[in-house]
Amino acid sequence: MKVESITLMFLALCIFLSFYFTFLSFQMIDDTFKKQLVVLAASSLITGVVIFACLTIYVGIKKTLSHVEDQLIEGEE
């Protein structure tokens, strides 16, 4: 499985969890549980975005370094 597809699946999971926790917060009667679910939803969304950004940067650096490595190998020949 490619890193790009894993990244997109993880981002989709975090976004789904964020919406799910938000939906549950609307169903709760107690304000304390509502606030905790909203915090969980926000932290899930933020975690997904941060990990998506980190993995995107990782993939970009990996592609750039492999391209530079290919150029160095061609230059030696």
Protein backbone atom coordinates (compact mmCIF):
# COMPACT_ATOMS: atom_id res chain seq x y z
CA MET A 1 0.00 0.00 0.00
CA LYS A 2 1.36 3.41 -0.92
CA VAL A 3 2.05 6.10 1.62
CA GLU A 4 -0.32 8.49 -0.18
CA SER A 5 -3.29 6.15 0.17
CA ILE A 6 -2.48 5.48 3.83
CA THR A 7 -2.31 9.24 4.42
CA LEU A 8 -5.69 9.82 2.79
CA MET A 9 -7.28 6.95 4.72
CA PHE A 10 -5.94 8.30 8.01
CA LEU A 11 -7.18 11.81 7.20
CA ALA A 12 -10.61 10.44 6.28
CA LEU A 13 -10.73 8.49 9.55
CA CYS A 14 -9.90 11.58 11.62
CA ILE A 15 -12.48 13.69 9.80
CA PHE A 16 -15.10 10.96 10.28
CA LEU A 17 -14.31 10.78 14.00
CA SER A 18 -14.56 14.54 14.25
CA PHE A 19 -18.03 14.57 12.70
CA TYR A 20 -19.09 11.58 14.77
CA PHE A 21 -18.06 13.20 18.05
CA THR A 22 -19.80 16.41 17.00
CA PHE A 23 -22.97 14.45 16.21
CA LEU A 24 -22.79 12.73 19.60
CA SER A 25 -22.37 16.07 21.34
CA PHE A 26 -25.71 17.19 19.89
CA GLN A 27 -27.35 14.07 21.35
CA MET A 28 -26.01 14.55 24.89
CA ILE A 29 -28.09 16.19 27.57
CA ASP A 30 -25.33 16.92 30.07
CA ASP A 31 -23.19 19.97 29.28
CA THR A 32 -20.03 18.39 30.66
CA PHE A 33 -20.22 15.49 28.21
CA LYS A 34 -21.05 17.89 25.38
CA LYS A 35 -17.92 19.91 26.06
CA GLN A 36 -15.76 16.78 26.28
CA LEU A 37 -17.11 15.48 22.98
CA VAL A 38 -16.50 18.82 21.28
CA VAL A 39 -12.93 18.80 22.60
CA LEU A 40 -12.52 15.25 21.27
CA ALA A 41 -13.89 16.32 17.89
CA ALA A 42 -11.56 19.30 17.68
CA SER A 43 -8.52 17.31 18.78
CA SER A 44 -9.33 14.56 16.28
CA LEU A 45 -9.56 17.07 13.46
CA ILE A 46 -6.36 18.85 14.48
CA THR A 47 -4.51 15.54 14.84
CA GLY A 48 -5.63 14.45 11.39
CA VAL A 49 -4.53 17.68 9.77
CA VAL A 50 -1.14 17.71 11.54
CA ILE A 51 -0.35 14.10 10.67
CA PHE A 52 -1.54 14.67 7.10
CA ALA A 53 0.80 17.66 6.80
CA CYS A 54 3.73 15.70 8.27
CA LEU A 55 3.20 12.74 5.96
CA THR A 56 2.82 15.03 2.95
CA ILE A 57 6.11 16.74 3.79
CA TYR A 58 7.73 13.32 4.27
CA VAL A 59 6.53 12.11 0.87
CA GLY A 60 7.71 15.33 -0.77
CA ILE A 61 11.16 15.07 0.76
CA LYS A 62 11.38 11.38 -0.15
CA LYS A 63 10.50 12.08 -3.80
CA THR A 64 12.93 14.99 -3.98
CA LEU A 65 15.79 12.98 -2.51
CA SER A 66 15.14 10.03 -4.82
CA HIS A 67 15.13 12.41 -7.80
CA VAL A 68 18.45 13.94 -6.69
CA GLU A 69 19.90 10.48 -6.09
CA ASP A 70 18.91 9.41 -9.61
CA GLN A 71 20.62 12.49 -11.04
CA LEU A 72 23.79 11.75 -9.07
CA ILE A 73 23.85 8.15 -10.29
CA GLU A 74 23.38 9.29 -13.90
CA GLY A 75 26.17 11.86 -13.46
CA GLU A 76 28.64 9.20 -12.30
CA GLU A 77 28.07 7.06 -15.39
